[in-house]
C-alpha atoms as a PDB file:
ATOM      1  CA  MET A   1      84.433 116.801  97.103  1.00  0.00           C
ATOM      2  CA  LYS A   2      80.685 116.494  97.626  1.00  0.00           C
ATOM      3  CA  ASN A   3      80.027 113.834  94.999  1.00  0.00           C
ATOM      4  CA  LEU A   4      81.626 112.137  92.020  1.00  0.00           C
ATOM      5  CA  ASP A   5      80.280 114.789  89.617  1.00  0.00           C
ATOM      6  CA  ASP A   6      82.900 117.146  91.095  1.00  0.00           C
ATOM      7  CA  LEU A   7      85.527 115.046  89.295  1.00  0.00           C
ATOM      8  CA  PRO A   8      86.041 114.676  85.553  1.00  0.00           C
ATOM      9  CA  VAL A   9      85.146 110.969  85.536  1.00  0.00           C
ATOM     10  CA  ARG A  10      82.965 109.334  82.936  1.00  0.00           C
ATOM     11  CA  ARG A  11      83.339 105.663  83.787  1.00  0.00           C
ATOM     12  CA  VAL A  12      83.284 104.344  87.356  1.00  0.00           C
ATOM     13  CA  SER A  13      83.777 100.718  88.355  1.00  0.00           C
ATOM     14  CA  VAL A  14      81.939  99.416  91.381  1.00  0.00           C
ATOM     15  CA  SER A  15      81.646  95.967  92.965  1.00  0.00           C
ATOM     16  CA  GLU A  16      78.441  93.960  92.703  1.00  0.00           C
ATOM     17  CA  ARG A  17      77.911  94.301  96.454  1.00  0.00           C
ATOM     18  CA  LEU A  18      77.933  98.110  96.387  1.00  0.00           C
ATOM     19  CA  ALA A  19      75.942  98.320  93.165  1.00  0.00           C
ATOM     20  CA  ALA A  20      73.154  96.154  94.600  1.00  0.00           C
ATOM     21  CA  ASP A  21      71.480  98.968  96.552  1.00  0.00           C
ATOM     22  CA  GLY A  22      71.407 101.343  93.561  1.00  0.00           C
ATOM     23  CA  SER A  23      72.182 104.486  95.569  1.00  0.00           C
ATOM     24  CA  LEU A  24      75.510 105.095  93.810  1.00  0.00           C
ATOM     25  CA  VAL A  25      73.738 106.461  90.730  1.00  0.00           C
ATOM     26  CA  ASN A  26      72.736 109.495  92.810  1.00  0.00           C
ATOM     27  CA  LEU A  27      76.406 110.213  93.567  1.00  0.00           C
ATOM     28  CA  ALA A  28      77.302 110.684  89.904  1.00  0.00           C
ATOM     29  CA  PRO A  29      74.314 110.954  87.577  1.00  0.00           C
ATOM     30  CA  LYS A  30      76.547 111.800  84.602  1.00  0.00           C
ATOM     31  CA  ALA A  31      78.914 108.835  85.087  1.00  0.00           C
ATOM     32  CA  LYS A  32      78.516 105.382  83.618  1.00  0.00           C
ATOM     33  CA  PHE A  33      78.820 102.698  86.308  1.00  0.00           C
ATOM     34  CA  ILE A  34      80.511  99.453  85.318  1.00  0.00           C
ATOM     35  CA  VAL A  35      79.680  96.632  87.730  1.00  0.00           C
ATOM     36  CA  VAL A  36      82.486  94.157  88.396  1.00  0.00           C
ATOM     37  CA  ARG A  37      82.739  91.092  90.621  1.00  0.00           C
ATOM     38  CA  ASN A  38      84.846  92.556  93.434  1.00  0.00           C
ATOM     39  CA  LEU A  39      86.964  95.500  94.547  1.00  0.00           C
ATOM     40  CA  ASN A  40      90.222  94.047  93.210  1.00  0.00           C
ATOM     41  CA  GLU A  41      88.773  93.782  89.723  1.00  0.00           C
ATOM     42  CA  ALA A  42      87.483  97.366  89.997  1.00  0.00           C
ATOM     43  CA  LEU A  43      90.940  98.619  90.966  1.00  0.00           C
ATOM     44  CA  ASP A  44      92.574  96.555  88.214  1.00  0.00           C
ATOM     45  CA  ARG A  45      90.324  98.284  85.675  1.00  0.00           C
ATOM     46  CA  VAL A  46      91.333 101.710  87.010  1.00  0.00           C
ATOM     47  CA  ALA A  47      95.012 100.747  86.833  1.00  0.00           C
ATOM     48  CA  SER A  48      94.641  99.514  83.254  1.00  0.00           C
ATOM     49  CA  GLY A  49      92.764 102.677  82.187  1.00  0.00           C
ATOM     50  CA  GLU A  50      89.477 100.954  81.316  1.00  0.00           C
ATOM     51  CA  VAL A  51      87.646 103.169  83.842  1.00  0.00           C
ATOM     52  CA  ASP A  52      88.401 106.527  85.430  1.00  0.00           C
ATOM     53  CA  ALA A  53      87.622 105.707  89.061  1.00  0.00           C
ATOM     54  CA  ALA A  54      86.490 102.968  91.423  1.00  0.00           C
ATOM     55  CA  VAL A  55      84.159 103.239  94.402  1.00  0.00           C
ATOM     56  CA  GLY A  56      84.556 100.955  97.413  1.00  0.00           C
ATOM     57  CA  ASP A  57      84.792 100.685 101.179  1.00  0.00           C
ATOM     58  CA  LEU A  58      87.533 103.067 102.342  1.00  0.00           C
ATOM     59  CA  ALA A  59      89.339 100.526 104.537  1.00  0.00           C
ATOM     60  CA  ALA A  60      89.240  97.820 101.858  1.00  0.00           C
ATOM     61  CA  VAL A  61      90.401 100.233  99.134  1.00  0.00           C
ATOM     62  CA  ASP A  62      93.248 101.478 101.327  1.00  0.00           C
ATOM     63  CA  LEU A  63      94.376  97.931 102.076  1.00  0.00           C
ATOM     64  CA  ALA A  64      94.200  96.892  98.414  1.00  0.00           C
ATOM     65  CA  LEU A  65      96.082  99.990  97.242  1.00  0.00           C
ATOM     66  CA  SER A  66      98.888  99.607  99.764  1.00  0.00           C
ATOM     67  CA  SER A  67      99.327  95.894  99.081  1.00  0.00           C
ATOM     68  CA  ARG A  68      98.982  95.791  95.290  1.00  0.00           C
ATOM     69  CA  PHE A  69      99.327  99.192  93.660  1.00  0.00           C
ATOM     70  CA  ASP A  70     101.929 101.103  95.737  1.00  0.00           C
ATOM     71  CA  ASP A  71     101.919 104.669  94.366  1.00  0.00           C
ATOM     72  CA  GLN A  72     100.117 103.887  91.096  1.00  0.00           C
ATOM     73  CA  LEU A  73      96.603 104.704  92.414  1.00  0.00           C
ATOM     74  CA  LYS A  74      95.450 107.144  95.104  1.00  0.00           C
ATOM     75  CA  ILE A  75      92.352 107.586  97.259  1.00  0.00           C
ATOM     76  CA  LEU A  76      90.590 110.823  96.353  1.00  0.00           C
ATOM     77  CA  GLY A  77      88.213 110.928  99.286  1.00  0.00           C
ATOM     78  CA  PRO A  78      84.814 109.780 100.423  1.00  0.00           C
ATOM     79  CA  ALA A  79      82.197 109.348  97.739  1.00  0.00           C
ATOM     80  CA  GLY A  80      79.394 110.611  99.929  1.00  0.00           C
ATOM     81  CA  LYS A  81      78.084 107.192 100.902  1.00  0.00           C
ATOM     82  CA  SER A  82      78.991 105.741 104.263  1.00  0.00           C
ATOM     83  CA  GLU A  83      79.418 102.010 104.461  1.00  0.00           C
ATOM     84  CA  SER A  84      77.101 100.257 106.877  1.00  0.00           C
ATOM     85  CA  ILE A  85      78.555  98.207 109.694  1.00  0.00           C
ATOM     86  CA  GLY A  86      77.991  94.470 109.518  1.00  0.00           C
ATOM     87  CA  PHE A  87      79.013  91.376 111.421  1.00  0.00           C
ATOM     88  CA  ALA A  88      79.638  87.849 110.188  1.00  0.00           C
ATOM     89  CA  LEU A  89      78.392  85.053 112.414  1.00  0.00           C
ATOM     90  CA  ARG A  90      78.893  81.310 112.331  1.00  0.00           C
ATOM     91  CA  PRO A  91      75.781  79.285 111.367  1.00  0.00           C
ATOM     92  CA  GLU A  92      75.316  77.949 114.903  1.00  0.00           C
ATOM     93  CA  LEU A  93      75.011  81.565 116.139  1.00  0.00           C
ATOM     94  CA  ALA A  94      72.215  82.447 113.693  1.00  0.00           C
ATOM     95  CA  GLY A  95      69.871  83.126 116.627  1.00  0.00           C
ATOM     96  CA  LEU A  96      71.951  86.201 117.483  1.00  0.00           C
ATOM     97  CA  VAL A  97      71.245  87.903 114.141  1.00  0.00           C
ATOM     98  CA  PRO A  98      68.061  89.719 115.288  1.00  0.00           C
ATOM     99  CA  LEU A  99      69.813  90.893 118.455  1.00  0.00           C
ATOM    100  CA  VAL A 100      72.814  92.213 116.535  1.00  0.00           C
ATOM    101  CA  ASP A 101      70.523  93.924 114.001  1.00  0.00           C
ATOM    102  CA  ARG A 102      68.574  95.617 116.792  1.00  0.00           C
ATOM    103  CA  ALA A 103      71.788  96.736 118.508  1.00  0.00           C
ATOM    104  CA  LEU A 104      73.156  98.199 115.260  1.00  0.00           C
ATOM    105  CA  LYS A 105      69.919 100.088 114.563  1.00  0.00           C
ATOM    106  CA  ALA A 106      69.878 101.499 118.097  1.00  0.00           C
ATOM    107  CA  MET A 107      73.564 102.452 118.000  1.00  0.00           C
ATOM    108  CA  PRO A 108      74.228 106.215 117.871  1.00  0.00           C
ATOM    109  CA  GLU A 109      76.051 107.558 114.820  1.00  0.00           C
ATOM    110  CA  ALA A 110      79.049 108.550 116.965  1.00  0.00           C
ATOM    111  CA  GLU A 111      79.532 104.930 118.041  1.00  0.00           C
ATOM    112  CA  LYS A 112      79.332 103.762 114.428  1.00  0.00           C
ATOM    113  CA  GLN A 113      82.017 106.303 113.533  1.00  0.00           C
ATOM    114  CA  LYS A 114      84.231 104.983 116.344  1.00  0.00           C
ATOM    115  CA  ILE A 115      83.858 101.443 115.035  1.00  0.00           C
ATOM    116  CA  ASN A 116      84.704 102.553 111.484  1.00  0.00           C
ATOM    117  CA  VAL A 117      87.785 104.448 112.692  1.00  0.00           C
ATOM    118  CA  ALA A 118      88.934 101.438 114.732  1.00  0.00           C
ATOM    119  CA  ARG A 119      88.397  99.163 111.730  1.00  0.00           C
ATOM    120  CA  GLN A 120      90.409 101.439 109.460  1.00  0.00           C
ATOM    121  CA  ALA A 121      93.178 101.679 112.052  1.00  0.00           C
ATOM    122  CA  ALA A 122      93.249  97.884 112.376  1.00  0.00           C
ATOM    123  CA  LEU A 123      93.639  97.488 108.616  1.00  0.00           C
ATOM    124  CA  ALA A 124      96.325 100.171 108.354  1.00  0.00           C
ATOM    125  CA  GLN A 125      99.891  99.120 107.727  1.00  0.00           C
ATOM    126  CA  PRO A 126     101.867  99.315 110.991  1.00  0.00           C
ATOM    127  CA  GLN A 127     104.693 101.817 111.060  1.00  0.00           C
ATOM    128  CA  SER A 128     108.097 100.196 111.484  1.00  0.00           C
ATOM    129  CA  GLY A 129     110.857 102.639 112.213  1.00  0.00           C
ATOM    130  CA  TRP A 130     114.464 102.006 113.087  1.00  0.00           C
ATOM    131  CA  SER A 131     113.654 101.612 116.802  1.00  0.00           C
ATOM    132  CA  VAL A 132     111.303  98.695 116.117  1.00  0.00           C
ATOM    133  CA  ASN A 133     113.924  97.003 113.967  1.00  0.00           C
ATOM    134  CA  ALA A 134     116.586  97.665 116.594  1.00  0.00           C
ATOM    135  CA  LEU A 135     114.452  96.035 119.270  1.00  0.00           C
ATOM    136  CA  ARG A 136     113.956  92.997 117.041  1.00  0.00           C
ATOM    137  CA  LEU A 137     117.712  92.710 116.473  1.00  0.00           C
ATOM    138  CA  LEU A 138     118.700  93.299 120.099  1.00  0.00           C
ATOM    139  CA  PRO A 139     118.419  89.634 121.258  1.00  0.00           C
ATOM    140  CA  ALA A 140     120.498  88.464 118.281  1.00  0.00           C
ATOM    141  CA  LEU A 141     123.145  91.100 118.990  1.00  0.00           C
ATOM    142  CA  ILE A 142     123.294  90.084 122.655  1.00  0.00           C
ATOM    143  CA  ALA A 143     123.685  86.410 121.680  1.00  0.00           C
ATOM    144  CA  ILE A 144     126.506  87.266 119.256  1.00  0.00           C
ATOM    145  CA  GLY A 145     128.218  89.315 121.989  1.00  0.00           C
ATOM    146  CA  VAL A 146     128.010  86.448 124.482  1.00  0.00           C
ATOM    147  CA  VAL A 147     129.422  83.975 121.936  1.00  0.00           C
ATOM    148  CA  LEU A 148     132.304  86.357 121.165  1.00  0.00           C
ATOM    149  CA  ALA A 149     133.045  86.868 124.870  1.00  0.00           C
ATOM    150  CA  VAL A 150     133.114  83.110 125.541  1.00  0.00           C
ATOM    151  CA  THR A 151     135.332  82.529 122.499  1.00  0.00           C
ATOM    152  CA  LEU A 152     137.714  85.306 123.547  1.00  0.00           C
ATOM    153  CA  ARG A 153     137.924  83.887 127.065  1.00  0.00           C
ATOM    154  CA  ALA A 154     138.574  80.418 125.661  1.00  0.00           C
ATOM    155  CA  PHE A 155     141.422  81.879 123.601  1.00  0.00           C
ATOM    156  CA  VAL A 156     142.955  84.101 126.329  1.00  0.00           C
ATOM    157  CA  LEU A 157     143.067  81.508 129.158  1.00  0.00           C
ATOM    158  CA  PRO A 158     145.340  79.018 127.308  1.00  0.00           C
ATOM    159  CA  GLN A 159     147.539  81.914 126.187  1.00  0.00           C
ATOM    160  CA  ARG A 160     148.026  83.034 129.817  1.00  0.00           C
ATOM    161  CA  GLU A 161     148.712  79.489 130.962  1.00  0.00           C
ATOM    162  CA  MET A 162     151.256  79.025 128.171  1.00  0.00           C
ATOM    163  CA  SER A 163     153.079  82.262 129.028  1.00  0.00           C
ATOM    164  CA  ARG A 164     153.207  81.306 132.768  1.00  0.00           C
ATOM    165  CA  ARG A 165     154.512  77.851 131.869  1.00  0.00           C
ATOM    166  CA  ILE A 166     157.278  79.365 129.718  1.00  0.00           C
ATOM    167  CA  GLU A 167     158.253  81.783 132.531  1.00  0.00           C
ATOM    168  CA  THR A 168     158.303  78.922 135.029  1.00  0.00           C
ATOM    169  CA  GLU A 169     160.450  76.729 132.747  1.00  0.00           C
ATOM    170  CA  GLU A 170     162.894  79.597 132.193  1.00  0.00           C
ATOM    171  CA  ALA A 171     163.119  80.193 135.955  1.00  0.00           C
ATOM    172  CA  LEU A 172     163.766  76.474 136.547  1.00  0.00           C
ATOM    173  CA  ALA A 173     166.340  76.411 133.750  1.00  0.00           C
ATOM    174  CA  THR A 174     168.272  79.309 135.320  1.00  0.00           C
ATOM    175  CA  GLN A 175     168.163  77.677 138.755  1.00  0.00           C
ATOM    176  CA  LEU A 176     169.332  74.309 137.456  1.00  0.00           C
ATOM    177  CA  SER A 177     172.124  75.640 135.272  1.00  0.00           C
ATOM    178  CA  PHE A 178     175.424  75.491 137.179  1.00  0.00           C
END
């Protein structure tokens, strides 16, 4: 897919943040862009059928789809526009903004790609197989085993003592009977 015109979409929802730069119109000149407040609203409109597609940051779309829409919506692919990398700083660190901007402009494209891949991997849902669940349950299973062993020992020791006492009483009774 080179651009959105490759798809049979007429209406595309996009967040205010992405629509602000105006470059999305070049991706699909035939489509009508509907600007919404945020990505969640854009995806809600796709799910309800008001629009045919939504455009957003790949990592954010993936996270929203996996948490809210399960298998109802799917990612088709990149829309031909790469999201720029940005950093959020606390107000007291405002003096660092020019330095960060210079570093981002000087950063090679390969490094930017690495950061985007790491960001997407960080937002991805972790895989939890049976081995992970087994490792989480292992301490509880060990504790249950220890409690059972202590309980069994507490039950067996009085039983042994009782059987020895009965044998001893029987032996004394046979010795004392004339």
